[in-house]
C-alpha atoms as a PDB file:
ATOM      1  CA  MET A   1     -77.048  52.326-116.391  1.00  0.00           C
ATOM      2  CA  ASN A   2     -78.480  55.834-116.531  1.00  0.00           C
ATOM      3  CA  ALA A   3     -78.781  58.383-113.669  1.00  0.00           C
ATOM      4  CA  ARG A   4     -82.476  57.709-113.096  1.00  0.00           C
ATOM      5  CA  GLY A   5     -81.930  54.019-112.474  1.00  0.00           C
ATOM      6  CA  SER A   6     -84.738  51.724-113.530  1.00  0.00           C
ATOM      7  CA  SER A   7     -87.250  54.589-113.858  1.00  0.00           C
ATOM      8  CA  GLY A   8     -85.421  56.104-116.887  1.00  0.00           C
ATOM      9  CA  ARG A   9     -86.748  55.636-120.370  1.00  0.00           C
ATOM     10  CA  PRO A  10     -85.058  52.779-122.216  1.00  0.00           C
ATOM     11  CA  ASP A  11     -84.857  54.686-125.511  1.00  0.00           C
ATOM     12  CA  GLU A  12     -82.994  57.703-123.976  1.00  0.00           C
ATOM     13  CA  PRO A  13     -79.231  58.029-124.163  1.00  0.00           C
ATOM     14  CA  ASP A  14     -77.413  58.258-120.835  1.00  0.00           C
ATOM     15  CA  ASP A  15     -76.567  61.958-121.192  1.00  0.00           C
ATOM     16  CA  ILE A  16     -80.209  62.932-121.757  1.00  0.00           C
ATOM     17  CA  ALA A  17     -81.273  60.791-118.800  1.00  0.00           C
ATOM     18  CA  GLU A  18     -78.673  62.506-116.609  1.00  0.00           C
ATOM     19  CA  LEU A  19     -79.902  65.908-117.793  1.00  0.00           C
ATOM     20  CA  ARG A  20     -83.505  64.898-117.009  1.00  0.00           C
ATOM     21  CA  ALA A  21     -82.467  63.779-113.508  1.00  0.00           C
ATOM     22  CA  GLU A  22     -80.657  67.065-112.929  1.00  0.00           C
ATOM     23  CA  ILE A  23     -83.671  69.076-114.089  1.00  0.00           C
ATOM     24  CA  ASP A  24     -85.954  67.062-111.788  1.00  0.00           C
ATOM     25  CA  GLN A  25     -83.620  67.715-108.866  1.00  0.00           C
ATOM     26  CA  VAL A  26     -83.559  71.461-109.588  1.00  0.00           C
ATOM     27  CA  GLU A  27     -87.357  71.455-109.837  1.00  0.00           C
ATOM     28  CA  ARG A  28     -87.670  69.784-106.421  1.00  0.00           C
ATOM     29  CA  SER A  29     -85.291  72.359-104.962  1.00  0.00           C
ATOM     30  CA  VAL A  30     -87.242  75.277-106.449  1.00  0.00           C
ATOM     31  CA  LEU A  31     -90.530  73.903-105.126  1.00  0.00           C
ATOM     32  CA  ARG A  32     -89.217  74.128-101.566  1.00  0.00           C
ATOM     33  CA  ARG A  33     -88.263  77.804-101.858  1.00  0.00           C
ATOM     34  CA  ILE A  34     -90.304  80.976-101.395  1.00  0.00           C
ATOM     35  CA  ASP A  35     -89.982  84.440-102.851  1.00  0.00           C
ATOM     36  CA  PRO A  36     -91.274  86.877-100.216  1.00  0.00           C
ATOM     37  CA  GLY A  37     -90.906  89.887-102.476  1.00  0.00           C
ATOM     38  CA  ALA A  38     -91.989  93.157-100.849  1.00  0.00           C
ATOM     39  CA  ARG A  39     -93.273  91.269 -97.810  1.00  0.00           C
ATOM     40  CA  ALA A  40     -89.646  90.684 -96.814  1.00  0.00           C
ATOM     41  CA  LEU A  41     -89.296  94.429 -96.234  1.00  0.00           C
ATOM     42  CA  VAL A  42     -92.527  94.466 -94.205  1.00  0.00           C
ATOM     43  CA  ILE A  43     -91.235  91.624 -92.041  1.00  0.00           C
ATOM     44  CA  ALA A  44     -87.833  93.276 -91.604  1.00  0.00           C
ATOM     45  CA  ILE A  45     -89.454  96.539 -90.493  1.00  0.00           C
ATOM     46  CA  ALA A  46     -91.745  94.646 -88.089  1.00  0.00           C
ATOM     47  CA  VAL A  47     -88.696  92.883 -86.608  1.00  0.00           C
ATOM     48  CA  LEU A  48     -87.017  96.262 -86.118  1.00  0.00           C
ATOM     49  CA  VAL A  49     -90.155  97.605 -84.418  1.00  0.00           C
ATOM     50  CA  LEU A  50     -90.206  94.522 -82.171  1.00  0.00           C
ATOM     51  CA  LEU A  51     -86.587  95.105 -81.175  1.00  0.00           C
ATOM     52  CA  VAL A  52     -87.321  98.760 -80.394  1.00  0.00           C
ATOM     53  CA  ALA A  53     -90.377  97.663 -78.376  1.00  0.00           C
ATOM     54  CA  THR A  54     -88.160  95.622 -76.049  1.00  0.00           C
ATOM     55  CA  VAL A  55     -86.503  98.839 -74.870  1.00  0.00           C
ATOM     56  CA  LEU A  56     -89.853 100.490 -74.098  1.00  0.00           C
ATOM     57  CA  PRO A  57     -91.902  99.722 -70.955  1.00  0.00           C
ATOM     58  CA  TRP A  58     -93.958  96.518 -71.056  1.00  0.00           C
ATOM     59  CA  ALA A  59     -95.552  96.385 -67.619  1.00  0.00           C
ATOM     60  CA  GLY A  60     -95.695  99.336 -65.298  1.00  0.00           C
ATOM     61  CA  GLY A  61     -92.275 100.928 -65.716  1.00  0.00           C
ATOM     62  CA  THR A  62     -90.403  97.704 -66.499  1.00  0.00           C
ATOM     63  CA  SER A  63     -88.870  97.513 -69.956  1.00  0.00           C
ATOM     64  CA  GLY A  64     -89.247  94.500 -72.198  1.00  0.00           C
ATOM     65  CA  MET A  65     -85.558  93.723 -71.862  1.00  0.00           C
ATOM     66  CA  ASN A  66     -85.887  93.536 -68.072  1.00  0.00           C
ATOM     67  CA  VAL A  67     -88.913  91.265 -68.461  1.00  0.00           C
ATOM     68  CA  LEU A  68     -86.911  88.997 -70.796  1.00  0.00           C
ATOM     69  CA  LEU A  69     -83.963  88.893 -68.410  1.00  0.00           C
ATOM     70  CA  GLY A  70     -86.194  88.050 -65.438  1.00  0.00           C
ATOM     71  CA  GLN A  71     -85.590  91.366 -63.657  1.00  0.00           C
ATOM     72  CA  ALA A  72     -89.266  92.343 -63.544  1.00  0.00           C
ATOM     73  CA  PRO A  73     -91.138  92.956 -60.268  1.00  0.00           C
ATOM     74  CA  PRO A  74     -93.369  90.120 -59.035  1.00  0.00           C
ATOM     75  CA  GLY A  75     -96.590  91.844 -60.156  1.00  0.00           C
ATOM     76  CA  VAL A  76     -95.676  91.473 -63.819  1.00  0.00           C
ATOM     77  CA  GLY A  77     -96.370  87.735 -63.976  1.00  0.00           C
ATOM     78  CA  VAL A  78     -95.194  84.972 -66.249  1.00  0.00           C
ATOM     79  CA  LEU A  79     -97.195  85.679 -69.432  1.00  0.00           C
ATOM     80  CA  PRO A  80     -95.176  88.734 -70.528  1.00  0.00           C
ATOM     81  CA  ARG A  81     -91.980  86.732 -70.044  1.00  0.00           C
ATOM     82  CA  VAL A  82     -93.316  83.827 -72.128  1.00  0.00           C
ATOM     83  CA  PHE A  83     -94.468  86.335 -74.732  1.00  0.00           C
ATOM     84  CA  GLY A  84     -91.006  87.881 -74.799  1.00  0.00           C
ATOM     85  CA  TYR A  85     -89.340  84.518 -75.375  1.00  0.00           C
ATOM     86  CA  LEU A  86     -91.795  83.592 -78.137  1.00  0.00           C
ATOM     87  CA  ALA A  87     -91.497  87.026 -79.745  1.00  0.00           C
ATOM     88  CA  MET A  88     -87.707  86.893 -79.776  1.00  0.00           C
ATOM     89  CA  GLY A  89     -87.655  83.257 -80.870  1.00  0.00           C
ATOM     90  CA  PHE A  90     -90.195  83.322 -83.676  1.00  0.00           C
ATOM     91  CA  GLY A  91     -90.419  87.042 -84.400  1.00  0.00           C
ATOM     92  CA  VAL A  92     -86.723  87.858 -84.532  1.00  0.00           C
ATOM     93  CA  LEU A  93     -84.727  84.634 -84.931  1.00  0.00           C
ATOM     94  CA  GLY A  94     -87.361  82.712 -86.890  1.00  0.00           C
ATOM     95  CA  SER A  95     -87.999  85.612 -89.242  1.00  0.00           C
ATOM     96  CA  ALA A  96     -84.277  86.086 -89.812  1.00  0.00           C
ATOM     97  CA  LEU A  97     -83.875  82.394 -90.618  1.00  0.00           C
ATOM     98  CA  GLY A  98     -86.987  82.383 -92.789  1.00  0.00           C
ATOM     99  CA  LEU A  99     -85.862  85.364 -94.828  1.00  0.00           C
ATOM    100  CA  THR A 100     -82.313  84.097 -95.281  1.00  0.00           C
ATOM    101  CA  THR A 101     -83.083  80.451 -96.064  1.00  0.00           C
ATOM    102  CA  ARG A 102     -86.275  81.212 -98.047  1.00  0.00           C
ATOM    103  CA  ARG A 103     -87.612  77.736 -97.347  1.00  0.00           C
ATOM    104  CA  TRP A 104     -91.319  77.110 -97.662  1.00  0.00           C
ATOM    105  CA  GLY A 105     -91.423  74.985 -94.493  1.00  0.00           C
ATOM    106  CA  MET A 106     -89.688  77.718 -92.511  1.00  0.00           C
ATOM    107  CA  SER A 107     -92.318  80.213 -93.654  1.00  0.00           C
ATOM    108  CA  TRP A 108     -94.979  78.000 -92.069  1.00  0.00           C
ATOM    109  CA  VAL A 109     -92.941  77.728 -88.861  1.00  0.00           C
ATOM    110  CA  CYS A 110     -92.648  81.521 -88.723  1.00  0.00           C
ATOM    111  CA  ALA A 111     -96.344  82.023 -89.509  1.00  0.00           C
ATOM    112  CA  LEU A 112     -97.538  79.629 -86.823  1.00  0.00           C
ATOM    113  CA  GLY A 113     -94.919  80.763 -84.309  1.00  0.00           C
ATOM    114  CA  CYS A 114     -95.770  84.442 -84.763  1.00  0.00           C
ATOM    115  CA  TRP A 115     -99.453  83.591 -84.419  1.00  0.00           C
ATOM    116  CA  LEU A 116     -98.744  81.729 -81.145  1.00  0.00           C
ATOM    117  CA  ALA A 117     -96.672  84.641 -79.856  1.00  0.00           C
ATOM    118  CA  LEU A 118     -99.476  87.009 -80.860  1.00  0.00           C
ATOM    119  CA  VAL A 119    -102.042  85.044 -78.843  1.00  0.00           C
ATOM    120  CA  VAL A 120     -99.752  84.950 -75.796  1.00  0.00           C
ATOM    121  CA  GLY A 121     -99.068  88.666 -76.266  1.00  0.00           C
ATOM    122  CA  VAL A 122    -102.763  89.520 -76.199  1.00  0.00           C
ATOM    123  CA  LEU A 123    -103.133  87.382 -73.075  1.00  0.00           C
ATOM    124  CA  SER A 124    -100.180  89.153 -71.480  1.00  0.00           C
ATOM    125  CA  ILE A 125    -101.792  92.554 -72.172  1.00  0.00           C
ATOM    126  CA  TRP A 126    -104.963  91.249 -70.559  1.00  0.00           C
ATOM    127  CA  SER A 127    -103.041  89.839 -67.589  1.00  0.00           C
ATOM    128  CA  GLN A 128    -101.482  93.237 -66.901  1.00  0.00           C
ATOM    129  CA  GLN A 129    -104.918  94.790 -66.584  1.00  0.00           C
ATOM    130  CA  THR A 130    -106.373  92.247 -64.160  1.00  0.00           C
ATOM    131  CA  THR A 131    -105.418  91.000 -60.696  1.00  0.00           C
ATOM    132  CA  HIS A 132    -106.792  88.593 -58.124  1.00  0.00           C
ATOM    133  CA  SER A 133    -107.852  91.450 -55.862  1.00  0.00           C
ATOM    134  CA  HIS A 134    -109.971  94.485 -56.604  1.00  0.00           C
ATOM    135  CA  GLN A 135    -106.863  96.571 -57.227  1.00  0.00           C
ATOM    136  CA  PRO A 136    -105.974  97.348 -60.859  1.00  0.00           C
ATOM    137  CA  GLY A 137    -102.912  95.684 -62.354  1.00  0.00           C
ATOM    138  CA  PRO A 138     -99.762  97.530 -63.377  1.00  0.00           C
ATOM    139  CA  GLY A 139    -101.200  98.000 -66.865  1.00  0.00           C
ATOM    140  CA  PRO A 140     -99.587  97.204 -70.191  1.00  0.00           C
ATOM    141  CA  GLY A 141     -96.879  99.544 -71.353  1.00  0.00           C
ATOM    142  CA  ALA A 142     -96.501 101.044 -74.807  1.00  0.00           C
ATOM    143  CA  GLY A 143     -93.707  98.591 -75.618  1.00  0.00           C
ATOM    144  CA  LEU A 144     -95.888  95.555 -74.955  1.00  0.00           C
ATOM    145  CA  VAL A 145     -98.681  96.887 -77.158  1.00  0.00           C
ATOM    146  CA  LEU A 146     -96.193  97.825 -79.883  1.00  0.00           C
ATOM    147  CA  ALA A 147     -94.603  94.353 -79.703  1.00  0.00           C
ATOM    148  CA  VAL A 148     -98.006  92.687 -80.081  1.00  0.00           C
ATOM    149  CA  LEU A 149     -98.867  94.895 -83.056  1.00  0.00           C
ATOM    150  CA  SER A 150     -95.547  94.119 -84.742  1.00  0.00           C
ATOM    151  CA  LEU A 151     -96.181  90.395 -84.273  1.00  0.00           C
ATOM    152  CA  LEU A 152     -99.626  90.843 -85.803  1.00  0.00           C
ATOM    153  CA  VAL A 153     -98.016  92.360 -88.894  1.00  0.00           C
ATOM    154  CA  MET A 154     -95.412  89.569 -89.007  1.00  0.00           C
ATOM    155  CA  ALA A 155     -97.998  86.813 -88.605  1.00  0.00           C
ATOM    156  CA  ILE A 156    -100.132  88.213 -91.432  1.00  0.00           C
ATOM    157  CA  ALA A 157     -97.112  88.627 -93.711  1.00  0.00           C
ATOM    158  CA  TRP A 158     -95.779  85.114 -92.977  1.00  0.00           C
ATOM    159  CA  PHE A 159     -99.202  83.523 -93.537  1.00  0.00           C
ATOM    160  CA  ARG A 160     -99.533  85.343 -96.862  1.00  0.00           C
ATOM    161  CA  ILE A 161     -96.087  84.101 -97.885  1.00  0.00           C
ATOM    162  CA  ALA A 162     -96.807  80.538 -96.755  1.00  0.00           C
ATOM    163  CA  TRP A 163    -100.161  80.450 -98.582  1.00  0.00           C
ATOM    164  CA  SER A 164     -98.706  81.961-101.754  1.00  0.00           C
ATOM    165  CA  ARG A 165     -97.472  78.616-103.032  1.00  0.00           C
ATOM    166  CA  PRO A 166     -99.373  77.750-106.203  1.00  0.00           C
ATOM    167  CA  PRO A 167    -101.526  74.598-105.899  1.00  0.00           C
ATOM    168  CA  ASN A 168     -99.952  72.912-108.927  1.00  0.00           C
ATOM    169  CA  LEU A 169     -96.555  73.128-107.189  1.00  0.00           C
ATOM    170  CA  ALA A 170     -97.730  71.397-104.020  1.00  0.00           C
ATOM    171  CA  ARG A 171     -95.845  68.213-104.796  1.00  0.00           C
ATOM    172  CA  GLY A 172     -92.240  67.783-103.785  1.00  0.00           C
END
């Protein structure tokens, strides 16, 4: 019996059928992979900018690292903390996994995750400008704005990578 089982051609010798099965398996493996090219450098720089942004102030005088660790004053709110977790999860860890594994599915996870973090980041900037009273909020810091901008760059780059799969390779 040949390597393809009952789907092999009856007139093929076993060694050619095994070679065909191996080629099909390599083709399926290649179809699941991405080649980010120069966008990998863009994503890596955006991740570095995001990491630098966590040291800068996010709300009032509180740094992003303090917001992530839960050491922020009560006026900061929950949205910057959720943004920080999403940014570190999808922006840093997800991008690192996506660039090292180069899997097409992981590029979609990173694209959608960075987009979600971007939306929460914009809402966290807005939440720092508004309060329930007539007093102004603590205001967004430069680090929060820089983190949102770096996630914008990452989301665009990941979506371009995820959409770069040719339509004739969509099977697999």
